[in-house]
Protein backbone atom coordinates (compact mmCIF):
# COMPACT_ATOMS: atom_id res chain seq x y z
CA MET A 1 94.82 100.95 25.47
CA GLN A 2 96.01 97.75 26.01
CA LYS A 3 99.25 97.58 24.75
CA PHE A 4 101.78 93.76 24.16
CA LYS A 5 105.28 93.01 24.18
CA ASP A 6 104.02 90.68 21.21
CA ARG A 7 101.08 89.09 18.83
CA ASP A 8 99.79 87.61 22.32
CA HIS A 9 98.09 88.81 25.00
CA THR A 10 99.80 86.77 27.85
CA THR A 11 103.04 89.31 27.41
CA LEU A 12 100.01 92.71 28.68
CA TYR A 13 103.37 94.78 29.58
CA GLU A 14 100.45 98.38 30.37
CA ASP A 15 97.12 98.97 30.31
CA LEU A 16 96.05 102.68 29.97
CA ARG A 17 92.24 103.94 30.99
CA MET A 18 90.56 106.65 28.17
CA SER A 19 87.62 109.12 28.93
CA PRO A 20 86.12 110.38 26.48
CA GLY A 21 88.44 113.03 24.78
CA HIS A 22 91.82 111.25 25.85
CA THR A 23 94.81 112.08 24.02
CA PRO A 24 98.04 109.89 24.91
CA PRO A 25 100.93 112.96 25.65
CA VAL A 26 103.42 110.97 24.23
CA PRO A 27 103.35 108.93 20.53
CA PHE A 28 103.31 105.37 21.93
CA CYS A 29 105.53 104.31 18.00
CA ARG A 30 108.90 104.44 17.18
CA SER A 31 110.45 105.52 13.62
CA VAL A 32 111.87 103.26 11.29
CA PRO A 33 113.09 103.55 8.11
CA GLY A 34 110.28 104.29 6.25
CA GLY A 35 108.08 105.18 8.00
CA PHE A 36 106.78 103.74 11.60
CA VAL A 37 106.29 100.73 14.25
CA TYR A 38 103.84 100.09 17.06
CA PRO A 39 103.89 97.63 19.06
CA TRP A 40 100.64 95.37 19.70
CA HIS A 41 98.26 97.35 21.30
CA GLN A 42 94.40 96.63 20.80
CA TYR A 43 90.59 98.85 22.32
CA ARG A 44 88.53 97.54 24.97
CA ALA A 45 85.32 99.38 25.73
CA ASP A 46 83.29 98.75 28.87
CA SER A 47 80.73 100.11 26.71
CA ASP A 48 78.52 100.66 23.47
CA CYS A 49 80.46 102.89 21.37
CA VAL A 50 82.36 104.09 18.08
CA TRP A 51 86.14 104.73 17.15
CA LEU A 52 87.61 106.95 15.32
CA ALA A 53 92.18 107.45 15.53
CA VAL A 54 92.88 110.01 13.57
CA GLU A 55 96.90 110.57 13.51
CA TYR A 56 99.32 112.74 11.47
CA HIS A 57 102.65 112.14 10.53
CA ALA A 58 104.79 114.90 9.48
CA VAL A 59 105.76 114.07 5.60
CA HIS A 60 109.21 113.62 4.13
């Protein structure tokens, strides 16, 4: 997963290697009134793959 400070690939600040089954220890979203905001990010694979993202958020 590659994280960016802005909507621009030149602002890359973190490049995480994610092996099969990887789960980030801490979600990188932040809470805002009425929901969550995720920084600009993308996933890149070195081989053919199928992505499945499952996220759980508390309902208040």
